[in-house]
Protein backbone atom coordinates (compact mmCIF):
# COMPACT_ATOMS: atom_id res chain seq x y z
CA UNK A 1 62.08 147.49 105.89
CA UNK A 2 64.06 144.72 107.57
CA UNK A 3 60.98 142.55 107.49
CA UNK A 4 60.96 142.77 103.71
CA UNK A 5 64.50 141.49 103.28
CA UNK A 6 64.14 138.75 105.88
CA UNK A 7 60.93 137.48 104.29
CA UNK A 8 62.42 137.03 100.81
CA UNK A 9 62.43 133.33 99.95
CA UNK A 10 65.32 131.86 97.91
CA UNK A 11 65.16 132.54 94.17
CA UNK A 12 66.35 130.02 91.58
CA UNK A 13 69.64 131.15 90.03
CA UNK A 14 68.83 129.11 86.96
CA UNK A 15 65.30 129.91 85.85
CA UNK A 16 64.50 132.87 88.11
CA UNK A 17 61.54 131.36 89.94
CA UNK A 18 60.74 133.46 93.00
CA UNK A 19 59.47 132.34 96.42
CA UNK A 20 60.45 128.70 96.00
CA UNK A 21 58.70 126.13 98.17
CA UNK A 22 61.94 124.06 98.09
CA UNK A 23 65.50 124.99 97.14
CA UNK A 24 68.94 123.48 96.74
CA UNK A 25 72.16 125.37 97.42
CA UNK A 26 75.19 125.02 95.15
CA UNK A 27 77.84 123.05 97.12
CA UNK A 28 80.75 124.61 95.21
CA UNK A 29 79.60 128.13 96.13
CA UNK A 30 79.51 127.04 99.76
CA UNK A 31 82.99 125.51 99.52
CA UNK A 32 84.46 128.70 98.03
CA UNK A 33 82.77 130.87 100.63
CA UNK A 34 80.61 132.61 98.02
CA UNK A 35 77.09 133.89 98.65
CA UNK A 36 74.64 130.97 98.35
CA UNK A 37 73.09 130.22 94.96
CA UNK A 38 69.83 128.29 94.91
CA UNK A 39 68.19 126.09 92.28
CA UNK A 40 64.61 124.88 92.19
CA UNK A 41 65.50 121.33 91.12
CA UNK A 42 68.32 118.98 90.20
CA UNK A 43 67.29 119.33 86.56
CA UNK A 44 67.59 123.14 86.66
CA UNK A 45 70.94 122.86 88.44
CA UNK A 46 72.33 120.50 85.77
CA UNK A 47 70.94 122.55 82.90
CA UNK A 48 72.55 125.79 84.13
CA UNK A 49 75.78 124.28 85.46
CA UNK A 50 77.91 125.28 82.44
CA UNK A 51 76.96 128.92 82.92
CA UNK A 52 76.91 128.91 86.71
CA UNK A 53 80.38 127.42 87.13
CA UNK A 54 81.88 130.55 85.52
CA UNK A 55 81.02 132.32 88.78
CA UNK A 56 83.32 129.90 90.61
CA UNK A 57 86.19 130.41 88.15
CA UNK A 58 85.92 134.20 88.32
CA UNK A 59 85.90 134.14 92.11
CA UNK A 60 88.94 131.86 92.30
CA UNK A 61 90.87 134.01 89.80
CA UNK A 62 90.09 137.21 91.69
CA UNK A 63 91.23 135.81 95.03
CA UNK A 64 94.44 134.39 93.53
CA UNK A 65 95.31 137.68 91.80
CA UNK A 66 94.84 139.51 95.08
CA UNK A 67 97.04 137.08 97.00
CA UNK A 68 99.83 137.37 94.41
CA UNK A 69 99.86 141.17 94.41
CA UNK A 70 103.06 142.55 95.92
CA UNK A 71 102.17 146.23 95.98
CA UNK A 72 98.90 146.48 97.90
CA UNK A 73 99.19 147.83 101.42
CA UNK A 74 97.17 145.18 103.20
CA UNK A 75 97.62 146.66 106.66
CA UNK A 76 94.19 148.30 106.72
CA UNK A 77 92.61 144.99 105.70
CA UNK A 78 94.40 142.88 108.32
CA UNK A 79 92.00 140.27 109.71
CA UNK A 80 89.13 141.76 107.70
CA UNK A 81 86.45 139.23 106.84
CA UNK A 82 85.43 139.92 103.24
CA UNK A 83 81.75 139.34 102.52
CA UNK A 84 82.19 138.21 98.89
CA UNK A 85 84.85 137.31 96.31
CA UNK A 86 85.90 140.87 95.38
CA UNK A 87 89.23 142.11 96.77
CA UNK A 88 90.95 145.52 96.67
CA UNK A 89 93.81 145.78 94.19
CA UNK A 90 96.84 148.09 94.22
CA UNK A 91 96.69 151.72 93.19
CA UNK A 92 98.81 152.35 90.09
CA UNK A 93 99.28 156.03 90.82
CA UNK A 94 98.88 158.41 93.78
CA UNK A 95 95.99 160.78 94.29
CA UNK A 96 95.93 163.48 91.62
CA UNK A 97 96.65 167.08 92.41
CA UNK A 98 94.28 169.95 91.67
CA UNK A 99 93.73 170.08 87.90
CA UNK A 100 93.44 173.01 85.56
CA UNK A 101 96.39 175.21 86.41
CA UNK A 102 94.09 177.89 87.81
CA UNK A 103 91.79 177.90 84.76
CA UNK A 104 89.09 175.66 86.27
CA UNK A 105 86.53 176.81 88.85
CA UNK A 106 87.10 174.67 91.94
CA UNK A 107 84.75 173.56 94.72
CA UNK A 108 86.01 174.52 98.16
CA UNK A 109 87.17 170.98 99.03
CA UNK A 110 89.53 170.71 96.05
CA UNK A 111 92.43 171.97 98.17
CA UNK A 112 91.39 171.03 101.71
CA UNK A 113 89.15 167.98 101.33
CA UNK A 114 86.52 169.69 103.49
CA UNK A 115 83.20 170.86 101.94
CA UNK A 116 82.74 173.79 104.33
CA UNK A 117 80.17 175.73 102.25
CA UNK A 118 78.03 172.62 101.90
CA UNK A 119 78.13 171.94 105.64
CA UNK A 120 77.06 175.49 106.50
CA UNK A 121 74.24 175.53 103.95
CA UNK A 122 72.84 172.21 105.09
CA UNK A 123 72.33 173.41 108.64
CA UNK A 124 69.22 175.28 107.53
CA UNK A 125 67.63 172.31 105.79
CA UNK A 126 66.24 174.63 103.11
CA UNK A 127 65.77 173.16 99.63
CA UNK A 128 67.45 175.36 96.98
CA UNK A 129 65.37 176.51 94.00
CA UNK A 130 66.72 177.12 90.50
CA UNK A 131 64.39 179.55 88.74
CA UNK A 132 66.57 182.10 86.97
CA UNK A 133 66.81 181.15 83.25
CA UNK A 134 70.51 181.96 83.06
CA UNK A 135 71.27 179.79 86.09
CA UNK A 136 69.13 176.98 84.70
CA UNK A 137 71.15 177.02 81.49
CA UNK A 138 74.36 176.64 83.51
CA UNK A 139 72.84 173.67 85.32
CA UNK A 140 71.78 172.10 82.02
CA UNK A 141 75.26 172.60 80.58
CA UNK A 142 76.82 170.85 83.56
CA UNK A 143 74.37 167.95 83.28
CA UNK A 144 75.06 167.56 79.57
CA UNK A 145 78.77 167.43 80.29
CA UNK A 146 78.22 164.87 83.04
CA UNK A 147 76.21 162.72 80.63
CA UNK A 148 79.01 162.83 78.06
CA UNK A 149 81.57 161.91 80.72
CA UNK A 150 79.55 158.87 81.81
CA UNK A 151 79.14 157.86 78.16
CA UNK A 152 82.92 157.93 77.80
CA UNK A 153 83.16 155.53 80.73
CA UNK A 154 80.36 153.30 79.49
CA UNK A 155 81.98 152.88 76.09
CA UNK A 156 85.13 151.53 77.77
CA UNK A 157 83.48 148.72 79.71
CA UNK A 158 85.10 145.45 78.60
CA UNK A 159 87.02 142.52 80.05
CA UNK A 160 90.59 143.48 80.92
CA UNK A 161 89.91 147.19 81.41
CA UNK A 162 90.70 148.40 84.93
CA UNK A 163 88.57 150.77 86.97
CA UNK A 164 91.61 153.06 87.21
CA UNK A 165 91.65 153.34 83.42
CA UNK A 166 87.97 154.28 83.50
CA UNK A 167 88.67 156.85 86.20
CA UNK A 168 91.53 158.34 84.19
CA UNK A 169 89.36 158.68 81.09
CA UNK A 170 86.57 160.36 83.07
CA UNK A 171 89.04 162.69 84.78
CA UNK A 172 90.76 163.71 81.55
CA UNK A 173 87.46 164.27 79.73
CA UNK A 174 85.99 166.48 82.46
CA UNK A 175 89.17 168.51 82.93
CA UNK A 176 89.55 168.96 79.15
CA UNK A 177 86.19 170.74 79.21
CA UNK A 178 87.35 173.15 81.94
CA UNK A 179 85.31 171.40 84.62
CA UNK A 180 86.22 169.72 87.91
CA UNK A 181 85.51 166.05 88.79
CA UNK A 182 83.51 166.62 91.97
CA UNK A 183 84.47 163.43 93.88
CA UNK A 184 88.21 164.23 93.74
CA UNK A 185 89.32 165.02 97.32
CA UNK A 186 85.70 165.31 98.52
CA UNK A 187 86.23 164.40 102.17
CA UNK A 188 89.50 162.89 100.97
CA UNK A 189 88.12 160.62 98.25
CA UNK A 190 91.23 159.67 96.23
CA UNK A 191 89.82 159.37 92.71
CA UNK A 192 87.71 161.35 90.21
CA UNK A 193 84.73 158.99 89.98
CA UNK A 194 83.36 155.94 91.79
CA UNK A 195 83.51 152.51 90.16
CA UNK A 196 81.58 149.79 92.00
CA UNK A 197 81.85 146.15 90.90
CA UNK A 198 79.55 143.21 91.70
CA UNK A 199 78.85 143.21 95.48
CA UNK A 200 79.97 146.83 95.93
CA UNK A 201 76.91 148.95 96.72
CA UNK A 202 78.51 152.34 96.09
CA UNK A 203 81.65 154.49 96.51
CA UNK A 204 84.00 151.91 95.03
CA UNK A 205 87.54 153.31 94.75
CA UNK A 206 89.03 152.71 91.28
CA UNK A 207 92.08 150.43 91.35
CA UNK A 208 94.12 148.13 89.10
CA UNK A 209 91.78 145.11 89.12
CA UNK A 210 90.87 144.14 85.53
CA UNK A 211 87.17 143.79 84.84
CA UNK A 212 86.09 140.22 84.10
CA UNK A 213 83.52 138.70 81.78
CA UNK A 214 80.15 138.64 83.53
CA UNK A 215 80.99 141.37 86.08
CA UNK A 216 78.51 144.16 86.60
CA UNK A 217 80.08 147.57 87.09
CA UNK A 218 78.54 150.85 88.18
CA UNK A 219 80.25 154.11 87.21
CA UNK A 220 79.19 157.16 89.23
CA UNK A 221 80.20 160.51 87.71
CA UNK A 222 79.82 164.03 89.06
CA UNK A 223 81.24 167.14 87.42
CA UNK A 224 81.37 170.75 88.60
CA UNK A 225 80.92 173.15 85.69
CA UNK A 226 79.89 176.81 85.57
CA UNK A 227 79.14 176.68 89.29
CA UNK A 228 76.85 173.62 89.21
CA UNK A 229 77.30 169.94 90.00
CA UNK A 230 75.74 167.23 87.81
CA UNK A 231 75.45 163.75 89.34
CA UNK A 232 74.56 160.50 87.54
CA UNK A 233 75.46 156.82 87.39
CA UNK A 234 74.67 153.62 85.51
CA UNK A 235 75.40 149.92 85.89
CA UNK A 236 76.88 148.09 82.92
CA UNK A 237 77.45 144.46 82.06
CA UNK A 238 81.02 143.44 81.28
CA UNK A 239 81.05 141.33 78.14
CA UNK A 240 78.83 140.73 75.16
CA UNK A 241 75.06 140.99 75.26
CA UNK A 242 73.05 137.92 76.23
CA UNK A 243 73.16 135.63 79.25
CA UNK A 244 74.74 132.76 77.33
CA UNK A 245 77.67 134.82 76.05
CA UNK A 246 78.37 136.77 79.21
CA UNK A 247 77.95 133.96 81.72
CA UNK A 248 75.02 135.67 83.40
CA UNK A 249 72.52 133.84 85.49
CA UNK A 250 68.90 134.78 85.97
CA UNK A 251 69.72 136.60 89.23
CA UNK A 252 71.92 139.17 87.51
CA UNK A 253 69.34 139.89 84.82
CA UNK A 254 66.66 140.23 87.49
CA UNK A 255 68.83 142.62 89.52
CA UNK A 256 69.72 144.90 86.62
CA UNK A 257 66.20 145.06 85.25
CA UNK A 258 64.61 145.55 88.68
CA UNK A 259 67.00 148.35 89.63
CA UNK A 260 66.50 150.19 86.35
CA UNK A 261 62.71 149.87 86.59
CA UNK A 262 62.69 151.09 90.19
CA UNK A 263 64.38 154.35 89.20
CA UNK A 264 61.96 154.85 86.31
CA UNK A 265 58.98 154.26 88.62
CA UNK A 266 60.22 156.93 91.02
CA UNK A 267 60.94 159.45 88.26
CA UNK A 268 57.40 158.96 86.93
CA UNK A 269 56.04 160.24 90.26
CA UNK A 270 57.94 163.53 90.27
CA UNK A 271 55.78 166.66 90.00
CA UNK A 272 54.86 169.65 92.15
CA UNK A 273 53.06 168.72 95.36
CA UNK A 274 54.44 165.19 95.75
CA UNK A 275 56.06 164.44 99.12
CA UNK A 276 59.65 163.24 98.86
CA UNK A 277 58.97 160.40 101.25
CA UNK A 278 56.55 158.84 98.73
CA UNK A 279 59.31 157.97 96.25
CA UNK A 280 60.62 155.17 98.46
CA UNK A 281 57.31 153.35 98.27
CA UNK A 282 57.37 153.28 94.47
CA UNK A 283 60.95 152.01 94.44
CA UNK A 284 60.28 149.33 97.04
CA UNK A 285 57.20 148.09 95.19
CA UNK A 286 59.24 147.41 92.05
CA UNK A 287 62.13 145.88 94.00
CA UNK A 288 59.79 143.55 95.85
CA UNK A 289 58.18 142.46 92.57
CA UNK A 290 61.59 141.28 91.41
CA UNK A 291 62.49 139.64 94.73
CA UNK A 292 65.08 142.32 95.56
CA UNK A 293 65.81 144.53 98.56
CA UNK A 294 66.49 148.28 98.86
CA UNK A 295 69.61 149.66 100.57
CA UNK A 296 68.71 151.99 103.44
CA UNK A 297 72.10 153.53 104.28
CA UNK A 298 72.36 155.95 101.33
CA UNK A 299 69.88 158.44 99.89
CA UNK A 300 69.22 160.58 96.87
CA UNK A 301 69.89 164.25 97.54
CA UNK A 302 69.58 167.80 96.39
CA UNK A 303 72.29 168.89 93.98
CA UNK A 304 73.26 172.03 92.07
CA UNK A 305 75.53 174.71 93.46
CA UNK A 306 76.17 172.22 96.25
CA UNK A 307 77.27 168.61 95.70
CA UNK A 308 74.91 167.37 98.43
CA UNK A 309 72.07 169.34 99.99
CA UNK A 310 68.39 169.12 100.93
CA UNK A 311 66.18 167.30 100.21
CA UNK A 312 67.25 163.89 101.46
CA UNK A 313 65.49 161.15 99.49
CA UNK A 314 65.46 157.65 101.04
CA UNK A 315 64.73 154.90 98.55
CA UNK A 316 62.85 152.56 100.91
CA UNK A 317 59.18 152.61 101.87
CA UNK A 318 57.70 154.16 105.03
CA UNK A 319 60.60 156.57 105.47
CA UNK A 320 60.29 159.89 107.28
CA UNK A 321 61.81 162.23 104.69
CA UNK A 322 60.57 165.80 104.93
CA UNK A 323 59.65 168.16 102.13
CA UNK A 324 57.25 168.60 99.24
CA UNK A 325 58.33 168.97 95.62
CA UNK A 326 58.16 172.47 94.18
CA UNK A 327 59.02 173.90 90.77
CA UNK A 328 62.77 174.50 90.58
CA UNK A 329 63.82 171.80 93.05
CA UNK A 330 66.85 169.91 91.71
CA UNK A 331 67.80 166.51 93.10
CA UNK A 332 68.97 162.98 92.39
CA UNK A 333 67.15 159.69 92.69
CA UNK A 334 69.67 156.85 92.89
CA UNK A 335 68.31 153.57 94.30
CA UNK A 336 70.83 150.93 95.31
CA UNK A 337 69.17 147.52 95.00
CA UNK A 338 70.51 144.19 96.27
CA UNK A 339 69.97 140.57 95.28
CA UNK A 340 69.99 139.51 98.92
CA UNK A 341 69.37 141.48 102.10
CA UNK A 342 69.48 145.27 102.24
CA UNK A 343 72.26 145.40 104.84
CA UNK A 344 75.65 146.84 103.87
CA UNK A 345 79.01 147.41 105.48
CA UNK A 346 82.07 149.48 104.63
CA UNK A 347 85.54 148.21 103.84
CA UNK A 348 88.43 149.43 106.00
CA UNK A 349 89.32 151.95 103.26
CA UNK A 350 86.40 153.97 104.73
CA UNK A 351 84.74 154.30 101.32
CA UNK A 352 83.82 151.03 99.63
CA UNK A 353 80.32 149.94 100.70
CA UNK A 354 79.51 146.27 100.08
CA UNK A 355 76.53 144.02 100.64
CA UNK A 356 76.82 142.25 103.97
CA UNK A 357 75.82 138.90 102.47
CA UNK A 358 78.20 139.24 99.51
CA UNK A 359 75.49 139.18 96.87
CA UNK A 360 75.45 141.59 93.95
CA UNK A 361 74.13 145.14 94.03
CA UNK A 362 73.18 147.55 91.24
CA UNK A 363 72.35 151.26 90.97
CA UNK A 364 71.14 153.88 88.51
CA UNK A 365 70.98 157.64 89.09
CA UNK A 366 69.77 160.79 87.39
CA UNK A 367 69.77 164.49 88.23
CA UNK A 368 66.37 166.09 87.58
CA UNK A 369 64.42 169.31 88.11
CA UNK A 370 60.75 169.69 89.03
CA UNK A 371 58.79 171.60 86.36
CA UNK A 372 55.28 173.04 86.20
CA UNK A 373 54.06 169.92 84.41
CA UNK A 374 56.21 167.25 86.05
CA UNK A 375 59.91 166.57 85.71
CA UNK A 376 62.83 167.20 83.38
CA UNK A 377 65.57 164.56 83.63
CA UNK A 378 68.68 166.65 83.03
CA UNK A 379 71.12 163.74 82.73
CA UNK A 380 68.98 161.53 80.48
CA UNK A 381 70.60 159.20 77.98
CA UNK A 382 71.06 160.27 74.36
CA UNK A 383 71.20 158.41 71.07
CA UNK A 384 74.98 158.37 71.44
CA UNK A 385 74.94 156.79 74.91
CA UNK A 386 76.56 153.32 74.89
CA UNK A 387 74.35 150.28 75.56
CA UNK A 388 74.16 148.75 79.02
CA UNK A 389 74.78 145.37 77.31
CA UNK A 390 71.71 143.91 78.92
CA UNK A 391 68.08 144.02 77.82
CA UNK A 392 65.83 146.54 79.59
CA UNK A 393 62.86 145.89 77.28
């Protein structure tokens, strides 16, 4: 896979031309230490300058806000070399306690932070099957609740809203329906959902940073309801629809569209008898078409009574995943796709994964079950789901 990312030629940030024979880097991006932005010609650079310079302003504002913050414990970030413009912001409140007052069914890590049942079950490598109609209805109910929770988050996406506010809304909604937000205290994760902005690949920890016009933000929600976990995420555009209004360049549109299409291509393959390792090829084919790369460090996974279980589903081609799809298998597909190289690294908070080159990353995820005739996407969008604020055609 590394050969794919290293062979990608620069793509014009103005018009979107791929595999340029010649390119020109933006000198201001270089001066600010931002990931390089390329343009196919002086004319394209001048034409898109009004839109492109908003990237510089946003980056400068973010860095200045971080420097002025008096409450962030910077000790864990001492001497850390950030890959891109995003910085961690202070936490406005401590980690929440166990919700529900004893009325909510809890996963085993809610109190200890350790998913012991999951660890024991995964030693066998067996893929769970959901076949009992009553159990399937519980799974569906959890997935419907997860969808509604993500829709609550999606409807909030706007400049000035913080990821902590999104996390609070998701937490309150899930708990109000007598369910548990699965990420809370999972291996010590301090919040109830993941919110990943711009160059964050996944597992972003919600904090007090306000979202800015032109940001892209992924919200990853999992809820535990009636004994089943439902896992899904989507990437939204911050601001009004349209590249001119939101300050988007062609790269961001290409990333969002390519990531969304890669998930749809993989879902279209799901049916009994398909090998799990084949999904990565379909995802990579779409990513390559858009001049994008596929993250290799994180996989889709089985889900249901366990938060994470077999099968493991890599999203890149030529992987060695084991297993064949059978009726009743429940799992997620959740490709993380990058504008630049596929490599990632983790912030010193031990959670936030970012692109190593500082370029943007996007992700979409669904929970699904294999049926006799193909697949049923249990967390699919509804007519009430908020728009992504970008065109998926």
